[in-house]
Amino acid sequence: MNKIWANYEKGMAVFDNCHSPTVQSQWRALKDEIGEFVREPNLSEIWDIVHAAGRLFYKLTGIPFNLLAYPTVRKHSQRFEEYGCIRSIRNCEGKCCGKNS
């Protein structure tokens, strides 16, 4: 469990360092996740929406509600451990600044 949290925190820090987490960028990310759910509704996308909403809420309040979306936290942790980016290989822009970039 600690490994999951450590990889998640490191992966999000690396990602945020390369993609500044502004209110506008967090709002865009939430809208993108909602759009993905509309195109392909599934439970994973719901967790991604909760995570994105939590990141926006965290940016506004400092309360890390994004951590409630544990399935997405775990997914980002695994991706970061595997290839140094929290995004899927399909969506990685090559700017993740991770260990394998």
Protein backbone atom coordinates (compact mmCIF):
# COMPACT_ATOMS: atom_id res chain seq x y z
CA MET A 1 0.00 0.00 0.00
CA ASN A 2 2.79 2.42 0.89
CA LYS A 3 4.44 1.69 -2.47
CA ILE A 4 1.23 2.64 -4.27
CA TRP A 5 1.00 5.96 -2.41
CA ALA A 6 4.71 6.70 -2.87
CA ASN A 7 4.57 6.03 -6.63
CA TYR A 8 1.37 8.05 -6.95
CA GLU A 9 2.79 11.04 -5.09
CA LYS A 10 6.04 10.93 -7.05
CA GLY A 11 4.23 10.47 -10.37
CA MET A 12 1.82 13.33 -9.72
CA ALA A 13 4.67 15.61 -8.61
CA VAL A 14 6.63 14.82 -11.78
CA PHE A 15 3.55 15.34 -13.94
CA ASP A 16 2.61 18.59 -12.19
CA ASN A 17 6.16 19.86 -12.56
CA CYS A 18 5.87 19.50 -16.34
CA HIS A 19 2.16 20.39 -16.62
CA SER A 20 1.41 23.22 -14.22
CA PRO A 21 -1.76 22.39 -12.25
CA THR A 22 -3.66 25.67 -12.59
CA VAL A 23 -7.34 26.06 -11.84
CA GLN A 24 -7.94 26.32 -15.59
CA SER A 25 -5.93 23.18 -16.39
CA GLN A 26 -7.70 21.22 -13.64
CA TRP A 27 -11.09 22.42 -14.92
CA ARG A 28 -10.10 21.35 -18.46
CA ALA A 29 -9.00 17.95 -17.16
CA LEU A 30 -12.35 17.48 -15.42
CA LYS A 31 -14.26 18.41 -18.58
CA ASP A 32 -12.07 16.02 -20.60
CA GLU A 33 -12.82 13.17 -18.18
CA ILE A 34 -16.55 13.88 -18.36
CA GLY A 35 -16.30 13.85 -22.15
CA GLU A 36 -14.51 10.49 -22.07
CA PHE A 37 -17.27 9.10 -19.85
CA VAL A 38 -19.97 10.36 -22.22
CA ARG A 39 -18.20 8.69 -25.17
CA GLU A 40 -17.48 5.46 -23.31
CA PRO A 41 -19.38 5.11 -20.02
CA ASN A 42 -17.74 2.74 -17.56
CA LEU A 43 -16.75 2.55 -13.90
CA SER A 44 -13.12 3.41 -14.58
CA GLU A 45 -14.15 6.70 -16.18
CA ILE A 46 -16.33 7.53 -13.17
CA TRP A 47 -13.28 7.11 -10.91
CA ASP A 48 -11.28 9.31 -13.29
CA ILE A 49 -13.99 11.99 -12.99
CA VAL A 50 -13.88 11.76 -9.19
CA HIS A 51 -10.08 12.05 -9.31
CA ALA A 52 -10.15 15.06 -11.65
CA ALA A 53 -12.84 16.77 -9.57
CA GLY A 54 -10.80 16.05 -6.46
CA ARG A 55 -7.69 17.57 -8.04
CA LEU A 56 -9.66 20.71 -8.90
CA PHE A 57 -11.07 20.83 -5.38
CA TYR A 58 -7.56 20.36 -3.97
CA LYS A 59 -6.27 23.24 -6.09
CA LEU A 60 -9.05 25.47 -4.74
CA THR A 61 -9.05 24.38 -1.08
CA GLY A 62 -5.92 22.38 -0.29
CA ILE A 63 -8.07 19.38 0.71
CA PRO A 64 -6.87 16.29 -1.22
CA PHE A 65 -10.22 14.76 -2.21
CA ASN A 66 -8.53 13.29 -5.28
CA LEU A 67 -7.19 10.55 -2.99
CA LEU A 68 -10.73 9.22 -2.57
CA ALA A 69 -10.54 7.96 -6.15
CA TYR A 70 -8.33 5.04 -5.13
CA PRO A 71 -8.76 3.05 -8.37
CA THR A 72 -7.35 6.01 -10.33
CA VAL A 73 -4.64 6.59 -7.72
CA ARG A 74 -3.61 2.94 -8.07
CA LYS A 75 -3.70 3.14 -11.89
CA HIS A 76 -1.49 6.27 -11.94
CA SER A 77 0.90 4.65 -9.45
CA GLN A 78 1.25 1.51 -11.58
CA ARG A 79 1.81 3.51 -14.76
CA PHE A 80 4.45 5.67 -13.12
CA GLU A 81 6.26 2.60 -11.80
CA GLU A 82 6.10 0.83 -15.18
CA TYR A 83 7.14 3.62 -17.56
CA GLY A 84 7.59 6.88 -15.67
CA CYS A 85 4.33 8.58 -16.65
CA ILE A 86 0.91 8.68 -14.97
CA ARG A 87 -0.87 8.92 -18.32
CA SER A 88 -1.73 5.92 -20.45
CA ILE A 89 0.77 5.09 -23.18
CA ARG A 90 -1.94 6.00 -25.68
CA ASN A 91 -2.36 9.50 -24.16
CA CYS A 92 1.19 10.24 -23.07
CA GLU A 93 2.44 13.28 -24.94
CA GLY A 94 6.10 12.42 -24.41
CA LYS A 95 6.37 15.31 -21.95
CA CYS A 96 5.90 13.38 -18.72
CA CYS A 97 9.43 14.16 -17.52
CA GLY A 98 9.51 10.80 -15.78
CA LYS A 99 12.34 8.33 -15.35
CA ASN A 100 11.87 6.91 -18.86
CA SER A 101 11.24 10.13 -20.76
